[in-house]
Amino acid sequence: MLLSASVYASKTDLKQNAIALEQLGIDYFHIDCKNNAVVFEDIANIREVSKVPMDLHIIASQPEVFYDKIRKGKIEQVAFQWEDIEDKETFITHCRLQFKNANPAVLSPSGGGKGEEFEASTPPPQIGIALTTETALPSKEILSGFDFVLLMCTVPGESGGVFDNRNLARIIQLKYEHPQLKIHVDGGVNNEIAFVLRLLGVDLIVSGSYLMNHELLASGMLNLMRTPESLDTAKHIAVKEFMVPKQYMPVLNQHNIDFKKILQTIENHKLGFVLIENGKFEGVVTNADIRRGLLKNMDSLNKIQVTDLINNSPISINENASLNDLLKLIRHLNFIILFLPVVDGQNHLKGAILLNNLLR
């Protein structure tokens, strides 16, 4: 997971912060442009002292006003605030022509004639749309024209807000229904939220107040990117809010499976396991379980029984457990797990936590 520092969240000199953050290995500088072209002067000033790529967020009713500046500034990635755009249909068409056209020559904002060309060594920026929590996800046809979605989990362009947990379900929906899109998250990202976002496989987080106003920038960055020992303040975040629902998971009914179906399901989902249920949660079959089954029956593979492959007593967690409960469980295990089934009080399968995302 990449980290983008929202540089305007600090009152310290921009160049001074840029130098310090680059030395610490920051991935991007996040710049909010609330219909104000002055930010491009700030970008130019930062470019004088740093080679860290720019992560620009345009909040404007007519974003085409900034297209030339985006090109001239060689901005690496830019998100446009969806709700503020007056003419969304025209924006979608012209934005794709400006930045997604295979030909490096781009059209002018008015749609006629050729504008400046990207230098051969300068690729066009990655482009995305930014969405507030209250905005429904656009259609697949609209999203297919972008590289990423930036979910604004507090008020866009304002620093210091609290992360809205409703966005966790939106991240999961994007991840599994639009796998071609990268997911960026901005707003209210502290160390506990950053850990959850890593679990969900988010590609980039933007941190403003938490990082930029931290007593030590290095300590703030470390807290955002490491797995914490515990999070006593995270008791209000329940597992059911960030688990992947079983509709997106490899799940089979115990009375309707055979060896081939298990293998095919594991192959299709590429997660290395399948969850087994029969009204209630019955167990799991992992790559390791299959390997043991094969070794046990090497002389006659036809003798492999599906029931012999199922681990009927896997580690699981209740959907109402807190994030802190999850951390305590992981810490107390003396072996590594890459996923954790989630159940309710009656042992019905609800979903899973994918811990392998922590390795990304």
Protein backbone atom coordinates (compact mmCIF):
# COMPACT_ATOMS: atom_id res chain seq x y z
CA MET A 1 0.00 0.00 0.00
CA LEU A 2 1.41 3.36 -1.07
CA LEU A 3 1.38 6.49 1.10
CA SER A 4 0.59 9.98 -0.21
CA ALA A 5 1.32 12.92 2.12
CA SER A 6 -1.23 15.75 2.04
CA VAL A 7 1.29 18.56 2.22
CA TYR A 8 -1.20 21.39 2.81
CA ALA A 9 -2.16 19.81 6.15
CA SER A 10 1.03 21.27 7.64
CA LYS A 11 1.88 24.92 8.29
CA THR A 12 5.56 24.18 7.78
CA ASP A 13 7.35 25.38 4.64
CA LEU A 14 6.41 23.23 1.64
CA LYS A 15 9.97 22.79 0.41
CA GLN A 16 11.22 21.88 3.86
CA ASN A 17 8.51 19.25 4.25
CA ALA A 18 9.12 17.93 0.74
CA ILE A 19 12.80 17.35 1.43
CA ALA A 20 12.09 15.62 4.74
CA LEU A 21 9.36 13.38 3.31
CA GLU A 22 11.44 12.35 0.32
CA GLN A 23 14.29 11.33 2.62
CA LEU A 24 11.82 9.16 4.54
CA GLY A 25 10.69 7.42 1.33
CA ILE A 26 7.20 8.90 0.85
CA ASP A 27 5.50 7.61 -2.32
CA TYR A 28 3.52 10.72 -3.39
CA PHE A 29 2.80 14.32 -2.47
CA HIS A 30 -0.96 14.92 -2.35
CA ILE A 31 -2.08 18.38 -3.49
CA ASP A 32 -5.68 19.62 -3.18
CA CYS A 33 -6.69 22.13 -5.86
CA LYS A 34 -9.99 23.75 -4.89
CA ASN A 35 -10.44 25.63 -8.17
CA ASN A 36 -7.21 27.51 -7.49
CA ALA A 37 -4.43 27.56 -10.09
CA VAL A 38 -1.94 28.84 -7.51
CA VAL A 39 -1.32 25.24 -6.43
CA PHE A 40 0.59 24.66 -9.66
CA GLU A 41 3.12 27.27 -8.51
CA ASP A 42 3.50 25.29 -5.29
CA ILE A 43 4.00 22.12 -7.32
CA ALA A 44 6.72 23.84 -9.36
CA ASN A 45 8.44 24.97 -6.15
CA ILE A 46 8.33 21.44 -4.72
CA ARG A 47 9.73 20.07 -7.99
CA GLU A 48 12.81 22.25 -7.44
CA VAL A 49 13.81 20.22 -4.38
CA SER A 50 12.16 16.82 -4.83
CA LYS A 51 11.54 14.13 -7.43
CA VAL A 52 8.62 12.54 -5.54
CA PRO A 53 5.62 12.15 -7.91
CA MET A 54 2.54 14.35 -7.54
CA ASP A 55 -0.92 13.15 -6.56
CA LEU A 56 -3.28 15.98 -7.57
CA HIS A 57 -6.93 16.33 -6.53
CA ILE A 58 -8.95 18.78 -8.65
CA ILE A 59 -12.13 20.12 -7.04
CA ALA A 60 -13.75 22.33 -9.68
CA SER A 61 -16.96 22.68 -11.68
CA GLN A 62 -14.99 23.03 -14.93
CA PRO A 63 -11.91 20.81 -14.58
CA GLU A 64 -10.93 21.36 -18.22
CA VAL A 65 -9.52 24.74 -17.14
CA PHE A 66 -6.63 22.83 -15.56
CA TYR A 67 -5.83 20.33 -18.33
CA ASP A 68 -2.95 22.36 -19.82
CA LYS A 69 -1.43 22.96 -16.40
CA ILE A 70 -1.65 19.24 -15.61
CA ARG A 71 0.25 18.46 -18.81
CA LYS A 72 2.84 21.21 -18.39
CA GLY A 73 3.34 20.28 -14.75
CA LYS A 74 3.85 16.62 -15.76
CA ILE A 75 1.52 15.54 -12.96
CA GLU A 76 1.82 11.80 -12.38
CA GLN A 77 -1.76 11.16 -11.21
CA VAL A 78 -4.85 13.31 -10.87
CA ALA A 79 -8.33 12.74 -9.46
CA PHE A 80 -11.31 14.92 -10.36
CA GLN A 81 -14.04 15.48 -7.75
CA TRP A 82 -17.11 13.94 -9.37
CA GLU A 83 -19.82 15.85 -7.53
CA ASP A 84 -18.41 19.27 -8.44
CA ILE A 85 -18.27 18.68 -12.20
CA GLU A 86 -21.12 20.50 -13.97
CA ASP A 87 -21.11 18.67 -17.31
CA LYS A 88 -20.19 15.09 -16.43
CA GLU A 89 -20.88 13.65 -19.87
CA THR A 90 -18.55 16.11 -21.61
CA PHE A 91 -15.96 15.63 -18.88
CA ILE A 92 -15.88 11.86 -19.39
CA THR A 93 -15.40 12.21 -23.15
CA HIS A 94 -12.83 15.00 -23.11
CA CYS A 95 -10.89 13.70 -20.12
CA ARG A 96 -10.35 10.38 -21.86
CA LEU A 97 -9.22 12.16 -25.02
CA GLN A 98 -6.91 14.40 -23.04
CA PHE A 99 -5.17 11.80 -20.96
CA LYS A 100 -6.20 8.28 -22.03
CA ASN A 101 -5.79 8.54 -25.80
CA ALA A 102 -3.25 6.08 -27.21
CA ASN A 103 -1.91 8.87 -29.40
CA PRO A 104 0.20 11.24 -27.27
CA ALA A 105 -1.31 14.18 -29.14
CA VAL A 106 -4.30 15.43 -27.15
CA LEU A 107 -7.28 17.58 -27.92
CA SER A 108 -7.75 21.06 -26.57
CA PRO A 109 -10.29 21.55 -23.75
CA SER A 110 -12.84 22.86 -26.25
CA GLY A 111 -12.62 19.58 -28.14
CA GLY A 112 -11.23 20.94 -31.41
CA GLY A 113 -7.72 20.95 -32.77
CA LYS A 114 -4.56 19.53 -31.30
CA GLY A 115 -3.13 20.74 -28.04
CA GLU A 116 0.33 20.16 -26.63
CA GLU A 117 1.83 16.73 -26.83
CA PHE A 118 3.22 14.72 -23.94
CA GLU A 119 6.96 14.33 -24.26
CA ALA A 120 7.93 10.87 -25.46
CA SER A 121 9.61 10.17 -22.10
CA THR A 122 6.70 11.52 -20.05
CA PRO A 123 3.72 9.15 -19.85
CA PRO A 124 0.23 10.61 -19.47
CA PRO A 125 -0.99 10.82 -15.89
CA GLN A 126 -3.05 8.17 -14.22
CA ILE A 127 -6.56 9.62 -13.93
CA GLY A 128 -9.33 8.91 -11.48
CA ILE A 129 -12.54 10.26 -10.04
CA ALA A 130 -13.01 11.23 -6.42
CA LEU A 131 -16.30 10.34 -4.71
CA THR A 132 -17.76 11.48 -1.41
CA THR A 133 -19.35 8.97 0.95
CA GLU A 134 -22.90 9.96 0.05
CA THR A 135 -22.39 9.46 -3.70
CA ALA A 136 -23.35 6.09 -5.16
CA LEU A 137 -20.66 4.35 -7.17
CA PRO A 138 -21.01 5.24 -10.88
CA SER A 139 -21.83 2.62 -13.48
CA LYS A 140 -19.30 0.14 -14.79
CA GLU A 141 -19.30 1.99 -18.13
CA ILE A 142 -18.22 5.22 -16.44
CA LEU A 143 -15.65 3.65 -14.13
CA SER A 144 -14.05 1.69 -16.97
CA GLY A 145 -12.60 4.91 -18.36
CA PHE A 146 -10.47 5.60 -15.28
CA ASP A 147 -7.39 4.15 -13.63
CA PHE A 148 -8.47 4.59 -10.02
CA VAL A 149 -11.20 5.78 -7.68
CA LEU A 150 -10.39 8.12 -4.81
CA LEU A 151 -12.87 7.64 -1.98
CA MET A 152 -13.26 10.78 0.09
CA CYS A 153 -14.07 9.54 3.58
CA THR A 154 -14.44 13.00 5.12
CA VAL A 155 -15.31 16.38 3.54
CA PRO A 156 -13.20 16.83 0.34
CA GLY A 157 -10.37 19.34 0.67
CA GLU A 158 -10.74 19.72 4.44
CA SER A 159 -8.24 18.34 6.94
CA GLY A 160 -8.78 16.72 10.32
CA GLY A 161 -12.09 14.87 9.82
CA VAL A 162 -13.15 11.45 11.13
CA PHE A 163 -13.15 8.45 8.79
CA ASP A 164 -16.68 7.36 7.82
CA ASN A 165 -16.85 3.58 8.28
CA ARG A 166 -19.49 3.26 5.55
CA ASN A 167 -16.66 3.48 3.07
CA LEU A 168 -15.33 0.06 4.09
CA ALA A 169 -18.22 -1.65 2.30
CA ARG A 170 -17.67 0.60 -0.73
CA ILE A 171 -14.01 -0.41 -0.88
CA ILE A 172 -14.98 -4.09 -0.86
CA GLN A 173 -17.56 -3.53 -3.60
CA LEU A 174 -15.02 -1.73 -5.78
CA LYS A 175 -12.37 -4.36 -5.13
CA TYR A 176 -14.51 -7.29 -6.22
CA GLU A 177 -16.85 -5.76 -8.80
CA HIS A 178 -14.29 -3.50 -10.52
CA PRO A 179 -10.96 -5.35 -10.17
CA GLN A 180 -9.32 -3.30 -12.93
CA LEU A 181 -9.48 -0.15 -10.78
CA LYS A 182 -6.98 0.87 -8.17
CA ILE A 183 -8.49 2.16 -4.94
CA HIS A 184 -7.23 5.30 -3.19
CA VAL A 185 -8.57 6.55 0.15
CA ASP A 186 -8.41 10.05 1.61
CA GLY A 187 -9.79 11.45 4.86
CA GLY A 188 -9.51 10.47 8.51
CA VAL A 189 -6.76 7.91 7.92
CA ASN A 190 -4.96 7.19 11.20
CA ASN A 191 -2.98 4.10 12.19
CA GLU A 192 -6.00 1.90 12.94
CA ILE A 193 -7.83 2.86 9.73
CA ALA A 194 -4.61 2.37 7.75
CA PHE A 195 -4.32 -1.18 9.09
CA VAL A 196 -7.90 -1.99 8.05
CA LEU A 197 -7.30 -0.50 4.60
CA ARG A 198 -4.23 -2.72 4.19
CA LEU A 199 -6.38 -5.73 5.08
CA LEU A 200 -8.80 -4.72 2.32
CA GLY A 201 -6.06 -4.39 -0.27
CA VAL A 202 -6.33 -0.62 -0.81
CA ASP A 203 -3.63 0.60 -3.19
CA LEU A 204 -2.93 4.09 -1.80
CA ILE A 205 -3.86 6.11 1.27
CA VAL A 206 -3.67 9.87 1.69
CA SER A 207 -2.74 11.13 5.13
CA GLY A 208 -2.99 14.75 6.16
CA SER A 209 -3.35 15.74 9.80
CA TYR A 210 -2.25 12.41 11.25
CA LEU A 211 1.02 12.39 9.32
CA MET A 212 1.87 16.03 8.74
CA ASN A 213 1.10 17.20 12.28
CA HIS A 214 2.78 14.23 13.94
CA GLU A 215 5.58 15.17 16.33
CA LEU A 216 7.97 13.22 14.12
CA LEU A 217 7.22 12.58 10.44
CA ALA A 218 9.16 9.32 10.53
CA SER A 219 7.11 8.05 13.47
CA GLY A 220 3.86 9.01 11.74
CA MET A 221 4.84 7.17 8.56
CA LEU A 222 5.88 4.08 10.52
CA ASN A 223 2.60 3.99 12.44
CA LEU A 224 0.62 4.16 9.20
CA MET A 225 2.47 1.34 7.49
CA ARG A 226 3.18 -1.23 10.20
CA THR A 227 1.01 -3.87 11.85
CA PRO A 228 0.31 -2.55 15.35
CA GLU A 229 0.75 -4.61 18.50
CA SER A 230 -2.70 -3.55 19.67
CA LEU A 231 -5.25 -0.82 19.11
CA ASP A 232 -7.20 -0.16 22.27
CA THR A 233 -8.98 2.74 20.53
CA ALA A 234 -10.21 0.45 17.73
CA LYS A 235 -12.88 -1.34 19.73
CA HIS A 236 -15.62 0.55 17.88
CA ILE A 237 -14.62 -1.00 14.53
CA ALA A 238 -16.29 -4.41 14.26
CA VAL A 239 -14.98 -7.26 12.11
CA LYS A 240 -18.27 -7.35 10.18
CA GLU A 241 -17.56 -3.82 8.91
CA PHE A 242 -14.38 -4.80 7.06
CA MET A 243 -14.71 -8.53 6.41
CA VAL A 244 -15.15 -9.64 2.81
CA PRO A 245 -18.76 -10.95 2.59
CA LYS A 246 -19.12 -14.58 1.59
CA GLN A 247 -20.72 -13.56 -1.72
CA TYR A 248 -17.20 -12.65 -2.89
CA MET A 249 -15.50 -15.65 -1.29
CA PRO A 250 -14.92 -19.24 -2.53
CA VAL A 251 -17.75 -21.08 -0.75
CA LEU A 252 -19.09 -24.59 -1.41
CA ASN A 253 -21.89 -26.62 0.16
CA GLN A 254 -20.61 -29.76 1.84
CA HIS A 255 -23.28 -31.97 0.23
CA ASN A 256 -22.63 -30.77 -3.30
CA ILE A 257 -18.88 -31.03 -3.74
CA ASP A 258 -16.28 -33.35 -5.15
CA PHE A 259 -12.51 -33.21 -5.46
CA LYS A 260 -12.59 -31.60 -8.90
CA LYS A 261 -15.04 -28.89 -7.80
CA ILE A 262 -12.83 -28.02 -4.85
CA LEU A 263 -9.77 -27.73 -7.09
CA GLN A 264 -11.63 -25.65 -9.68
CA THR A 265 -13.04 -23.28 -7.04
CA ILE A 266 -9.61 -22.71 -5.53
CA GLU A 267 -8.19 -22.10 -9.01
CA ASN A 268 -10.98 -19.67 -9.98
CA HIS A 269 -10.64 -17.48 -6.88
CA LYS A 270 -6.84 -17.79 -6.62
CA LEU A 271 -6.89 -17.42 -2.84
CA GLY A 272 -5.56 -20.85 -1.94
CA PHE A 273 -8.61 -22.04 -0.02
CA VAL A 274 -12.33 -22.79 -0.15
CA LEU A 275 -14.84 -22.35 2.69
CA ILE A 276 -17.28 -25.20 3.35
CA GLU A 277 -20.78 -24.74 4.76
CA ASN A 278 -23.92 -26.77 5.27
CA GLY A 279 -26.37 -24.32 6.75
CA LYS A 280 -23.61 -23.60 9.24
CA PHE A 281 -19.88 -23.21 8.82
CA GLU A 282 -18.30 -26.66 8.46
CA GLY A 283 -14.63 -25.94 7.78
CA VAL A 284 -12.05 -25.12 5.12
CA VAL A 285 -9.99 -26.83 2.46
CA THR A 286 -6.62 -25.23 1.74
CA ASN A 287 -3.79 -25.99 -0.65
CA ALA A 288 -2.02 -27.63 2.30
CA ASP A 289 -5.03 -29.88 3.00
CA ILE A 290 -5.07 -30.99 -0.64
CA ARG A 291 -1.33 -31.68 -0.57
CA ARG A 292 -1.74 -33.86 2.51
CA GLY A 293 -4.63 -35.70 0.85
CA LEU A 294 -2.55 -36.38 -2.25
CA LEU A 295 0.42 -37.65 -0.26
CA LYS A 296 -1.84 -39.95 1.76
CA ASN A 297 -3.34 -41.48 -1.39
CA MET A 298 -0.44 -41.38 -3.86
CA ASP A 299 -0.92 -45.01 -4.86
CA SER A 300 -4.60 -44.53 -5.72
CA LEU A 301 -5.76 -40.94 -6.16
CA ASN A 302 -9.28 -42.18 -6.84
CA LYS A 303 -9.54 -43.09 -3.16
CA ILE A 304 -9.32 -39.45 -2.04
CA GLN A 305 -12.43 -38.61 -0.03
CA VAL A 306 -13.61 -34.99 0.14
CA THR A 307 -14.37 -35.40 3.84
CA ASP A 308 -10.71 -36.27 4.41
CA LEU A 309 -9.66 -32.91 2.95
CA ILE A 310 -11.85 -30.69 5.11
CA ASN A 311 -10.34 -29.08 8.19
CA ASN A 312 -13.37 -29.13 10.50
CA SER A 313 -11.82 -27.05 13.26
CA PRO A 314 -10.15 -24.01 11.66
CA ILE A 315 -9.45 -20.78 13.52
CA SER A 316 -12.36 -18.35 13.02
CA ILE A 317 -13.61 -15.09 14.50
CA ASN A 318 -17.05 -13.72 15.40
CA GLU A 319 -18.42 -10.93 13.22
CA ASN A 320 -19.01 -8.73 16.28
CA ALA A 321 -15.41 -8.95 17.46
CA SER A 322 -13.48 -5.69 17.38
CA LEU A 323 -10.40 -4.86 15.35
CA ASN A 324 -8.44 -5.05 18.58
CA ASP A 325 -9.82 -8.57 19.23
CA LEU A 326 -8.59 -9.55 15.76
CA LEU A 327 -5.10 -8.25 16.50
CA LYS A 328 -4.96 -10.09 19.82
CA LEU A 329 -6.02 -13.33 18.12
CA ILE A 330 -3.34 -13.03 15.44
CA ARG A 331 -0.64 -12.21 17.99
CA HIS A 332 -1.46 -15.23 20.16
CA LEU A 333 -1.27 -17.78 17.33
CA ASN A 334 2.01 -19.67 17.05
CA PHE A 335 1.61 -20.16 13.29
CA ILE A 336 0.93 -17.96 10.27
CA ILE A 337 -2.57 -17.71 8.82
CA LEU A 338 -3.42 -16.02 5.51
CA PHE A 339 -7.19 -15.88 5.99
CA LEU A 340 -9.69 -15.99 8.83
CA PRO A 341 -13.31 -17.18 8.41
CA VAL A 342 -15.93 -14.93 10.02
CA VAL A 343 -19.03 -16.42 11.67
CA ASP A 344 -22.03 -15.18 13.64
CA GLY A 345 -23.22 -16.35 17.08
CA GLN A 346 -24.91 -19.42 15.55
CA ASN A 347 -21.77 -20.39 13.58
CA HIS A 348 -23.24 -19.31 10.24
CA LEU A 349 -20.55 -18.33 7.73
CA LYS A 350 -20.60 -14.56 7.10
CA GLY A 351 -17.35 -13.94 5.21
CA ALA A 352 -13.60 -13.84 5.71
CA ILE A 353 -10.67 -11.60 6.60
CA LEU A 354 -7.84 -11.85 4.05
CA LEU A 355 -4.64 -11.43 6.01
CA ASN A 356 -2.47 -12.06 2.95
CA ASN A 357 -3.08 -8.43 1.94
CA LEU A 358 -0.78 -7.43 4.80
CA LEU A 359 2.11 -8.86 2.77
CA ARG A 360 1.57 -6.41 -0.11
